[in-house]
Amino acid sequence: MRPTIDPDCPCAPIRPAAPSARPAPAVHLIGIAGSGMRSLAQWFVQAGWRVTGSDRHADRLPATPPFDQVAVGQHSAGHVPPHAELVVYSAAVGEDNCELRRARRLRLPVLTYFEAVGRIMAGRQGLAVAGTHGKSSTTAMAAHLLIQGGCDPTVLLGATPIGWPTGGRFGRSDLVLAEACEYRGNFLHLAPQVAAIHRVEPDHFDCFATQRQLEEAFGRFITRLPRSGVVLVRQECPVLQRLGPLAQAKLETFGVNAGADWAADKVTLTAGSSRFRLLRQGRPLGWFHLPLPGAHNVVNALAAVAIGWHSGLGPEEMAGALASFPGVRRRLQAVGQWHGAIVLEDYAHHPTEVACAMEALRVMFAGRRLWCVFQPHQVSRTARLLEPLASSLAGADHVLVLPIYRAREPEATAREARKLQAALARLVEREGRSAVLTPSLHGAIASLQARVRQGDVVVVMGAGDVWKVASWLPKAHCHPV
């Protein structure tokens, strides 16, 4: 029997193709090169669906599994299979996209990425990770714990764990683990039984005009969990302290304070790892070793372990699994050595994330000169968070400030973007650090070549296309670490 997807029924699930289905059901993914959509493509391929897709950056997709089984091209109305069972589109795709218009003219079932994730989760044991920061790393850690524990979960993640082809995974158990993003209220399409929520801080100013709107969205997400569920909230977050009582699910806290339901004490941070003792409601459950730097990753691990606990895993097996967690791409990921300097890449673009990364780097590379190639992300975010962003960037000795990556923002903001780039550089200098106003990605490499010396550390940081700088450096005689 072939699947019938009702786009108007939020509870209508998406399930794997029946082995007897000939031909297999077809799904078309518009914007398939995005990180979340890649994960979804992985799930559909492994679930037995026929997958096609399109993207203006289609050339960035590798010719390796699962994409060796996916027909991908540039956006064209003719690419939409006329009898597809489902069409899914990315949030980066505009409503005027030619394929999206054709799919609607053909009256095909059309869903957004998060609507599709919600349908995959529907009727199953849903697990989710939300919050302004730490979602990807925590989701990846929780996935690793569940897989190593033999739980065989489905995973849908907007980043790529090291060693995975994408952030997606088809699992045969009832567990569905998803990263839950608050942008445009997307996480409200999910109905998990267990959810962990990190800090709630001002962000996504292009869709949340006020802090109240942001908090209302998180409040609605919390109330989606059933009475039989569990909501885990960061203890140190004042917003979650206010929103927590809205939950009808059981409320538990996690954090560095001993009063949290899930806490870490006797924490030791080293150059590339951490060690801590896990406490549940004050009772020691054992020692954990995490092969990742930074105090922020200890907090991420607490949330992941709590999710694992509520999925049936014990502390001893989770301690063993966490010790082998390889990390997530673009999260303080080592790239190599370049002219005697160590090069890393990081996704941080919010002041809190930047500060956490800088703190970890100072422990990892104590006493070394630290360079940060930083690409601000969005004009609206940079304008609203300009001063705290400059303060967090001052954790580096030298900052190369690139033009703002104007994601989802009109060309009319270009002039404002240039002014904000210059203002950010000036504020970094007021913090007592050197700041170089850098005109382009290629200009960043030229600046580094003129200034970096042996023994320095370079971190390429941002959520836009600044990753290209890290990818170009190996071609400039960068040798693997």
Protein backbone atom coordinates (compact mmCIF):
# COMPACT_ATOMS: atom_id res chain seq x y z
CA MET A 1 0.00 0.00 0.00
CA ARG A 2 1.38 3.40 -0.99
CA PRO A 3 1.55 6.19 1.62
CA THR A 4 -0.99 8.99 1.50
CA ILE A 5 0.25 12.20 3.12
CA ASP A 6 -2.43 14.67 4.18
CA PRO A 7 -0.67 18.06 4.50
CA ASP A 8 -3.61 19.50 6.44
CA CYS A 9 -3.54 16.86 9.19
CA PRO A 10 -0.64 17.48 11.62
CA CYS A 11 -1.04 14.00 13.10
CA ALA A 12 -0.74 12.15 9.78
CA PRO A 13 2.58 10.31 10.09
CA ILE A 14 5.35 9.74 7.56
CA ARG A 15 6.57 6.17 7.69
CA PRO A 16 9.15 4.01 5.88
CA ALA A 17 8.15 2.60 2.51
CA ALA A 18 6.64 -0.86 2.61
CA PRO A 19 9.09 -3.45 1.21
CA SER A 20 6.40 -4.55 -1.24
CA ALA A 21 5.86 -1.03 -2.63
CA ARG A 22 6.74 -1.04 -6.35
CA PRO A 23 7.71 1.52 -7.35
CA ALA A 24 8.79 3.00 -4.04
CA PRO A 25 7.00 6.20 -2.95
CA ALA A 26 8.60 9.40 -4.22
CA VAL A 27 9.61 12.50 -2.27
CA HIS A 28 11.08 15.69 -3.73
CA LEU A 29 13.23 17.92 -1.49
CA ILE A 30 13.53 21.60 -2.46
CA GLY A 31 16.69 23.09 -0.95
CA ILE A 32 18.29 19.69 -0.42
CA ALA A 33 21.83 21.04 0.14
CA GLY A 34 20.93 22.64 3.48
CA SER A 35 22.17 20.78 6.54
CA GLY A 36 18.72 19.84 7.84
CA MET A 37 17.45 18.83 4.41
CA ARG A 38 20.51 16.63 3.88
CA SER A 39 19.58 14.82 7.08
CA LEU A 40 16.03 14.38 5.85
CA ALA A 41 17.31 13.03 2.52
CA GLN A 42 19.37 10.48 4.44
CA TRP A 43 16.29 9.32 6.36
CA PHE A 44 14.09 9.02 3.26
CA VAL A 45 16.74 7.06 1.32
CA GLN A 46 17.31 4.66 4.20
CA ALA A 47 13.53 4.39 4.71
CA GLY A 48 13.11 3.08 1.16
CA TRP A 49 11.70 6.18 -0.56
CA ARG A 50 12.75 7.38 -4.01
CA VAL A 51 14.36 10.78 -3.44
CA THR A 52 14.90 13.66 -5.84
CA GLY A 53 15.95 17.17 -4.95
CA SER A 54 17.10 20.58 -6.05
CA ASP A 55 19.26 23.39 -4.76
CA ARG A 56 21.09 26.40 -6.14
CA HIS A 57 24.15 24.91 -4.43
CA ALA A 58 23.56 21.41 -5.77
CA ASP A 59 27.25 21.16 -6.68
CA ARG A 60 28.14 21.11 -2.96
CA LEU A 61 26.54 17.71 -2.45
CA PRO A 62 29.04 14.84 -2.48
CA ALA A 63 28.66 11.85 -4.81
CA THR A 64 28.69 9.54 -1.80
CA PRO A 65 25.84 7.82 0.10
CA PRO A 66 23.07 8.80 0.40
CA PHE A 67 23.42 11.30 -2.44
CA ASP A 68 24.66 8.72 -4.94
CA GLN A 69 21.04 7.49 -4.85
CA VAL A 70 19.45 10.94 -5.23
CA ALA A 71 18.81 12.79 -8.50
CA VAL A 72 19.71 16.42 -7.75
CA GLY A 73 19.74 19.51 -9.96
CA GLN A 74 19.28 23.26 -9.96
CA HIS A 75 15.81 24.67 -9.28
CA SER A 76 13.50 23.95 -12.22
CA ALA A 77 9.76 23.38 -12.32
CA GLY A 78 10.36 20.33 -14.49
CA HIS A 79 12.25 18.59 -11.69
CA VAL A 80 9.10 18.06 -9.61
CA PRO A 81 7.83 14.48 -10.09
CA PRO A 82 4.18 14.93 -11.12
CA HIS A 83 3.03 11.95 -9.05
CA ALA A 84 5.23 12.45 -5.98
CA GLU A 85 3.70 11.35 -2.71
CA LEU A 86 5.37 14.28 -0.94
CA VAL A 87 7.28 17.53 -1.54
CA VAL A 88 9.32 19.06 1.30
CA TYR A 89 10.96 22.47 1.18
CA SER A 90 13.58 24.25 3.26
CA ALA A 91 13.00 27.46 5.22
CA ALA A 92 15.62 29.04 2.95
CA VAL A 93 13.32 28.54 -0.07
CA GLY A 94 11.04 31.46 -0.90
CA GLU A 95 7.34 31.07 -1.61
CA ASP A 96 7.99 32.19 -5.18
CA ASN A 97 10.24 29.19 -5.90
CA CYS A 98 9.28 27.71 -9.27
CA GLU A 99 9.24 24.12 -7.96
CA LEU A 100 7.15 25.01 -4.94
CA ARG A 101 4.62 26.80 -7.17
CA ARG A 102 4.46 23.80 -9.52
CA ALA A 103 3.98 21.34 -6.65
CA ARG A 104 1.04 23.39 -5.41
CA ARG A 105 -0.45 23.69 -8.89
CA LEU A 106 -0.27 19.90 -9.14
CA ARG A 107 -1.92 19.70 -5.69
CA LEU A 108 0.86 17.52 -4.34
CA PRO A 109 1.23 17.22 -0.56
CA VAL A 110 3.68 19.99 0.45
CA LEU A 111 5.36 20.30 3.85
CA THR A 112 8.11 22.43 5.36
CA TYR A 113 11.19 20.71 6.75
CA PHE A 114 9.96 20.86 10.35
CA GLU A 115 6.46 19.78 9.39
CA ALA A 116 8.04 16.69 7.83
CA VAL A 117 10.17 16.05 10.93
CA GLY A 118 7.03 16.37 13.05
CA ARG A 119 5.25 13.81 10.86
CA ILE A 120 8.15 11.36 11.20
CA MET A 121 8.00 11.83 14.98
CA ALA A 122 4.17 11.60 15.15
CA GLY A 123 2.92 8.58 17.07
CA ARG A 124 6.42 7.56 18.15
CA GLN A 125 8.63 8.21 21.19
CA GLY A 126 9.84 11.70 20.38
CA LEU A 127 12.96 13.25 21.90
CA ALA A 128 13.95 16.86 21.20
CA VAL A 129 16.62 19.41 22.08
CA ALA A 130 15.80 23.13 21.99
CA GLY A 131 17.29 26.42 23.18
CA THR A 132 19.29 29.32 21.79
CA HIS A 133 22.60 27.46 22.06
CA GLY A 134 23.86 23.90 22.30
CA LYS A 135 21.09 22.20 20.32
CA SER A 136 23.26 20.51 17.70
CA SER A 137 25.99 19.30 20.04
CA THR A 138 23.52 18.01 22.62
CA THR A 139 21.41 16.23 19.99
CA ALA A 140 24.53 14.63 18.52
CA MET A 141 25.71 13.52 21.98
CA ALA A 142 22.30 12.07 22.80
CA ALA A 143 22.26 10.26 19.44
CA HIS A 144 25.67 8.76 20.17
CA LEU A 145 24.55 7.55 23.60
CA LEU A 146 21.38 5.98 22.20
CA ILE A 147 23.17 4.29 19.30
CA GLN A 148 25.96 2.94 21.49
CA GLY A 149 23.31 1.78 23.96
CA GLY A 150 21.63 -0.32 21.25
CA CYS A 151 18.48 1.84 21.02
CA ASP A 152 18.67 2.26 17.20
CA PRO A 153 17.01 5.72 17.08
CA THR A 154 15.94 7.80 14.13
CA VAL A 155 17.96 11.04 14.24
CA LEU A 156 17.22 14.33 12.45
CA LEU A 157 19.85 16.93 13.17
CA GLY A 158 20.78 20.25 11.56
CA ALA A 159 24.53 19.64 11.88
CA THR A 160 26.78 16.71 11.02
CA PRO A 161 28.43 14.58 13.71
CA ILE A 162 32.02 13.71 12.85
CA GLY A 163 32.05 10.37 11.03
CA TRP A 164 28.47 10.72 9.73
CA PRO A 165 27.65 11.61 6.09
CA THR A 166 24.81 13.89 7.26
CA GLY A 167 22.97 14.61 10.50
CA GLY A 168 20.25 12.12 9.60
CA ARG A 169 19.77 8.49 10.53
CA PHE A 170 16.99 5.97 9.95
CA GLY A 171 16.38 3.85 13.03
CA ARG A 172 14.12 0.84 13.41
CA SER A 173 13.14 1.52 17.01
CA ASP A 174 10.29 3.78 18.13
CA LEU A 175 12.71 6.54 19.22
CA VAL A 176 12.90 9.70 17.11
CA LEU A 177 15.47 12.29 18.22
CA ALA A 178 15.35 15.74 16.63
CA GLU A 179 17.02 19.11 16.97
CA ALA A 180 14.18 21.57 17.66
CA CYS A 181 14.80 25.08 16.33
CA GLU A 182 12.70 27.99 17.55
CA TYR A 183 13.07 30.03 14.34
CA ARG A 184 9.59 30.97 13.08
CA GLY A 185 8.18 28.73 15.79
CA ASN A 186 9.36 25.66 13.85
CA PHE A 187 9.67 23.52 16.97
CA LEU A 188 5.91 23.82 17.47
CA HIS A 189 5.51 21.21 14.71
CA LEU A 190 7.10 18.65 17.05
CA ALA A 191 5.33 16.78 19.84
CA PRO A 192 8.08 15.03 21.82
CA GLN A 193 7.71 13.03 25.01
CA VAL A 194 11.10 14.19 26.33
CA ALA A 195 12.67 17.57 25.58
CA ALA A 196 15.79 19.34 26.84
CA ILE A 197 15.88 23.14 26.60
CA HIS A 198 19.10 25.12 26.94
CA ARG A 199 19.24 28.85 27.62
CA VAL A 200 16.65 31.14 26.02
CA GLU A 201 18.34 34.38 24.93
CA PRO A 202 17.48 37.14 22.43
CA ASP A 203 17.98 35.89 18.86
CA HIS A 204 16.24 35.52 15.48
CA PHE A 205 15.24 39.17 15.40
CA ASP A 206 13.89 38.79 11.86
CA CYS A 207 10.98 36.74 13.22
CA PHE A 208 10.80 37.63 16.94
CA ALA A 209 10.40 41.39 17.15
CA THR A 210 10.35 41.33 20.95
CA GLN A 211 11.70 39.18 23.76
CA ARG A 212 8.12 38.51 24.79
CA GLN A 213 7.37 36.88 21.43
CA LEU A 214 10.42 34.65 21.79
CA GLU A 215 9.46 33.59 25.30
CA GLU A 216 5.87 32.93 24.25
CA ALA A 217 7.12 30.55 21.56
CA PHE A 218 9.18 28.59 24.11
CA GLY A 219 6.24 28.59 26.50
CA ARG A 220 4.04 27.03 23.82
CA PHE A 221 6.72 24.43 23.10
CA ILE A 222 6.91 23.47 26.78
CA THR A 223 3.14 23.00 26.96
CA ARG A 224 3.22 20.61 23.98
CA LEU A 225 4.81 17.90 26.10
CA PRO A 226 2.22 15.49 27.56
CA ARG A 227 1.66 14.81 31.25
CA SER A 228 3.50 11.52 30.83
CA GLY A 229 6.52 13.34 29.38
CA VAL A 230 9.60 15.05 30.82
CA VAL A 231 10.87 18.56 30.12
CA LEU A 232 14.49 19.24 31.08
CA VAL A 233 15.42 22.92 31.46
CA ARG A 234 18.70 24.72 32.08
CA GLN A 235 18.64 25.70 35.74
CA GLU A 236 20.68 28.89 35.34
CA CYS A 237 18.32 30.38 32.73
CA PRO A 238 15.96 32.99 34.27
CA VAL A 239 13.55 32.74 31.32
CA LEU A 240 13.14 29.00 31.82
CA GLN A 241 12.69 29.53 35.55
CA ARG A 242 9.62 31.59 34.64
CA LEU A 243 8.38 29.31 31.86
CA GLY A 244 9.01 25.97 33.58
CA PRO A 245 5.81 26.05 35.70
CA LEU A 246 3.78 26.11 32.45
CA ALA A 247 4.72 22.48 31.84
CA GLN A 248 2.15 19.76 32.36
CA ALA A 249 4.99 17.25 31.90
CA LYS A 250 7.39 16.41 34.72
CA LEU A 251 9.91 19.25 35.11
CA GLU A 252 13.60 18.55 35.76
CA THR A 253 16.59 20.88 35.71
CA PHE A 254 20.16 20.47 34.51
CA GLY A 255 23.16 22.72 35.05
CA VAL A 256 26.42 23.35 36.81
CA ASN A 257 24.81 24.23 40.16
CA ALA A 258 24.57 21.45 42.72
CA GLY A 259 20.86 22.17 43.19
CA ALA A 260 19.99 21.02 39.66
CA ASP A 261 18.35 17.62 39.19
CA TRP A 262 21.16 16.79 36.76
CA ALA A 263 24.45 18.37 37.81
CA ALA A 264 28.19 17.97 37.41
CA ASP A 265 30.68 18.45 40.21
CA LYS A 266 34.43 18.00 40.57
CA VAL A 267 34.75 19.24 36.96
CA THR A 268 38.24 19.17 35.46
CA LEU A 269 38.85 20.92 32.14
CA THR A 270 41.94 20.02 30.12
CA ALA A 271 43.22 21.11 26.72
CA GLY A 272 40.91 18.86 24.73
CA SER A 273 38.57 17.16 27.18
CA SER A 274 36.78 17.30 30.50
CA ARG A 275 36.06 15.00 33.42
CA PHE A 276 33.21 15.32 35.87
CA ARG A 277 31.11 13.43 38.37
CA LEU A 278 27.44 13.13 37.46
CA LEU A 279 24.86 13.91 40.13
CA ARG A 280 21.16 13.11 39.87
CA GLN A 281 19.17 14.94 42.52
CA GLY A 282 22.34 15.16 44.59
CA ARG A 283 23.20 11.46 44.34
CA PRO A 284 26.48 10.55 42.55
CA LEU A 285 25.98 8.28 39.53
CA GLY A 286 29.60 7.95 38.45
CA TRP A 287 32.46 9.63 36.64
CA PHE A 288 32.24 10.78 33.03
CA HIS A 289 35.00 11.63 30.56
CA LEU A 290 34.10 13.84 27.58
CA PRO A 291 36.71 14.08 24.79
CA LEU A 292 35.66 17.64 23.89
CA PRO A 293 36.95 20.98 25.20
CA GLY A 294 34.97 23.61 27.07
CA ALA A 295 32.74 23.95 30.12
CA HIS A 296 29.77 24.48 27.79
CA ASN A 297 30.15 20.93 26.51
CA VAL A 298 29.87 19.61 30.07
CA VAL A 299 26.42 21.23 30.26
CA ASN A 300 25.55 19.79 26.84
CA ALA A 301 26.57 16.37 28.12
CA LEU A 302 24.31 16.71 31.18
CA ALA A 303 21.30 17.30 28.93
CA ALA A 304 22.26 14.40 26.65
CA VAL A 305 22.71 12.02 29.58
CA ALA A 306 19.34 13.05 31.02
CA ILE A 307 17.70 12.26 27.67
CA GLY A 308 19.47 8.90 27.63
CA TRP A 309 18.33 8.14 31.18
CA HIS A 310 14.70 8.82 30.28
CA SER A 311 15.13 6.56 27.24
CA GLY A 312 16.15 3.64 29.44
CA LEU A 313 19.96 3.88 29.49
CA GLY A 314 22.01 3.42 32.65
CA PRO A 315 24.84 5.68 33.86
CA GLU A 316 27.63 3.14 33.37
CA GLU A 317 26.83 2.44 29.72
CA MET A 318 26.39 6.16 29.04
CA ALA A 319 29.75 6.95 30.65
CA GLY A 320 31.43 4.44 28.37
CA ALA A 321 29.65 5.80 25.30
CA LEU A 322 30.32 9.47 26.06
CA ALA A 323 34.05 8.76 26.26
CA SER A 324 34.01 7.82 22.56
CA PHE A 325 31.90 10.74 21.29
CA PRO A 326 33.81 12.20 18.29
CA GLY A 327 32.17 15.64 18.23
CA VAL A 328 30.32 17.68 15.61
CA ARG A 329 31.68 19.30 12.48
CA ARG A 330 32.40 23.03 12.76
CA ARG A 331 32.38 22.93 16.57
CA LEU A 332 35.98 23.77 17.53
CA GLN A 333 36.97 21.26 14.88
CA ALA A 334 40.68 21.06 14.11
CA VAL A 335 41.45 21.71 10.43
CA GLY A 336 45.22 21.40 10.40
CA GLN A 337 48.43 23.41 10.65
CA TRP A 338 49.17 26.32 8.37
CA HIS A 339 52.55 28.05 8.35
CA GLY A 340 53.14 26.61 11.82
CA ALA A 341 49.80 27.89 13.17
CA ILE A 342 46.99 25.59 14.34
CA VAL A 343 43.72 26.16 12.46
CA LEU A 344 40.25 25.37 13.82
CA GLU A 345 36.71 25.96 12.63
CA ASP A 346 33.66 26.88 14.72
CA TYR A 347 30.00 27.68 14.03
CA ALA A 348 29.58 30.27 16.83
CA HIS A 349 27.76 33.44 15.77
CA HIS A 350 25.88 34.57 18.90
CA PRO A 351 27.81 36.41 21.67
CA THR A 352 27.25 33.63 24.22
CA GLU A 353 28.50 30.99 21.78
CA VAL A 354 31.53 33.08 20.82
CA ALA A 355 32.41 33.63 24.49
CA CYS A 356 32.16 29.89 25.24
CA ALA A 357 34.38 29.05 22.27
CA MET A 358 36.97 31.65 23.29
CA GLU A 359 37.02 30.36 26.85
CA ALA A 360 37.60 26.81 25.62
CA LEU A 361 40.34 27.92 23.21
CA ARG A 362 42.18 29.72 26.00
CA VAL A 363 42.28 26.47 27.96
CA MET A 364 43.26 24.44 24.90
CA PHE A 365 46.05 26.79 23.78
CA ALA A 366 47.14 28.65 26.89
CA GLY A 367 49.79 31.27 26.22
CA ARG A 368 49.44 31.28 22.43
CA ARG A 369 48.35 34.19 20.24
CA LEU A 370 44.76 33.64 19.18
CA TRP A 371 43.41 34.90 15.85
CA CYS A 372 39.69 34.87 15.06
CA VAL A 373 38.39 35.18 11.50
CA PHE A 374 34.81 36.18 12.28
CA GLN A 375 31.87 36.49 9.92
CA PRO A 376 28.87 38.19 11.59
CA HIS A 377 25.58 36.48 10.76
CA GLN A 378 22.62 38.68 9.76
CA VAL A 379 22.33 42.44 9.93
CA SER A 380 19.46 42.27 12.42
CA ARG A 381 21.38 40.03 14.85
CA THR A 382 24.57 42.08 14.55
CA ALA A 383 22.74 45.37 15.13
CA ARG A 384 20.90 44.14 18.23
CA LEU A 385 23.87 42.31 19.77
CA LEU A 386 26.73 44.54 18.63
CA GLU A 387 28.30 45.40 22.00
CA PRO A 388 28.11 41.92 23.59
CA LEU A 389 29.43 40.48 20.33
CA ALA A 390 32.46 42.77 20.47
CA SER A 391 33.05 41.86 24.13
CA SER A 392 32.99 38.14 23.37
CA LEU A 393 35.30 38.53 20.36
CA ALA A 394 37.77 40.29 22.65
CA GLY A 395 38.55 36.82 23.95
CA ALA A 396 40.89 36.61 20.95
CA ASP A 397 44.08 38.65 20.61
CA HIS A 398 43.41 39.60 16.99
CA VAL A 399 40.09 39.64 15.11
CA LEU A 400 39.55 39.76 11.36
CA VAL A 401 36.01 41.14 10.91
CA LEU A 402 34.45 39.96 7.65
CA PRO A 403 31.39 41.46 5.91
CA ILE A 404 28.09 40.41 7.47
CA TYR A 405 26.52 37.29 6.00
CA ARG A 406 23.05 38.58 5.14
CA ALA A 407 21.00 35.39 5.42
CA ARG A 408 17.30 35.89 4.66
CA GLU A 409 17.79 39.66 4.46
CA PRO A 410 17.15 42.02 1.51
CA GLU A 411 19.80 43.78 -0.52
CA ALA A 412 18.55 47.06 0.94
CA THR A 413 20.50 46.24 4.10
CA ALA A 414 23.90 46.22 2.33
CA ARG A 415 24.80 49.77 3.35
CA GLU A 416 23.79 49.17 6.95
CA ALA A 417 25.79 45.94 6.89
CA ARG A 418 28.98 47.79 5.95
CA LYS A 419 28.44 50.32 8.74
CA LEU A 420 27.87 47.58 11.30
CA GLN A 421 30.96 45.69 10.17
CA ALA A 422 33.06 48.81 10.76
CA ALA A 423 31.34 49.52 14.08
CA LEU A 424 32.04 45.98 15.29
CA ALA A 425 35.73 46.33 14.45
CA ARG A 426 35.90 49.66 16.33
CA LEU A 427 34.25 48.16 19.41
CA VAL A 428 36.66 45.22 19.42
CA GLU A 429 39.54 47.70 19.37
CA ARG A 430 37.99 49.57 22.31
CA GLU A 431 38.15 46.27 24.18
CA GLY A 432 41.93 46.47 23.80
CA ARG A 433 42.28 43.96 20.95
CA SER A 434 43.42 44.48 17.38
CA ALA A 435 40.70 44.32 14.74
CA VAL A 436 41.23 44.17 10.98
CA LEU A 437 38.34 45.21 8.74
CA THR A 438 38.50 42.51 6.07
CA PRO A 439 36.68 42.99 2.74
CA SER A 440 36.24 39.36 1.66
CA LEU A 441 36.96 35.71 2.40
CA HIS A 442 40.01 35.81 0.12
CA GLY A 443 41.07 38.99 1.88
CA ALA A 444 41.05 37.10 5.17
CA ILE A 445 43.60 34.62 3.86
CA ALA A 446 45.80 37.47 2.60
CA SER A 447 45.62 39.16 6.02
CA LEU A 448 46.53 35.93 7.79
CA GLN A 449 49.48 35.33 5.48
CA ALA A 450 50.84 38.77 6.32
CA ARG A 451 50.37 38.51 10.08
CA VAL A 452 50.24 34.95 11.44
CA ARG A 453 53.42 33.39 12.73
CA GLN A 454 54.47 29.96 13.88
CA GLY A 455 52.83 28.85 17.13
CA ASP A 456 49.71 31.00 16.68
CA VAL A 457 46.15 29.66 16.75
CA VAL A 458 43.57 30.63 14.10
CA VAL A 459 39.85 29.96 14.57
CA VAL A 460 37.54 30.50 11.58
CA MET A 461 34.17 31.37 13.10
CA GLY A 462 30.62 32.00 11.92
CA ALA A 463 27.42 30.41 10.63
CA GLY A 464 27.58 31.62 7.02
CA ASP A 465 30.01 30.68 4.26
CA VAL A 466 33.14 31.52 6.28
CA TRP A 467 33.77 27.76 6.29
CA LYS A 468 35.30 28.33 2.85
CA VAL A 469 38.29 30.02 4.49
CA ALA A 470 38.95 26.88 6.51
CA SER A 471 38.55 24.73 3.39
CA TRP A 472 40.90 26.93 1.35
CA LEU A 473 43.68 26.95 3.93
CA PRO A 474 44.65 23.30 3.29
CA LYS A 475 45.30 24.26 -0.32
CA ALA A 476 47.69 26.92 0.99
CA HIS A 477 50.08 24.32 2.40
CA CYS A 478 47.97 23.38 5.43
CA HIS A 479 49.09 20.06 6.87
CA PRO A 480 46.75 17.81 8.93
CA VAL A 481 47.21 17.91 12.69
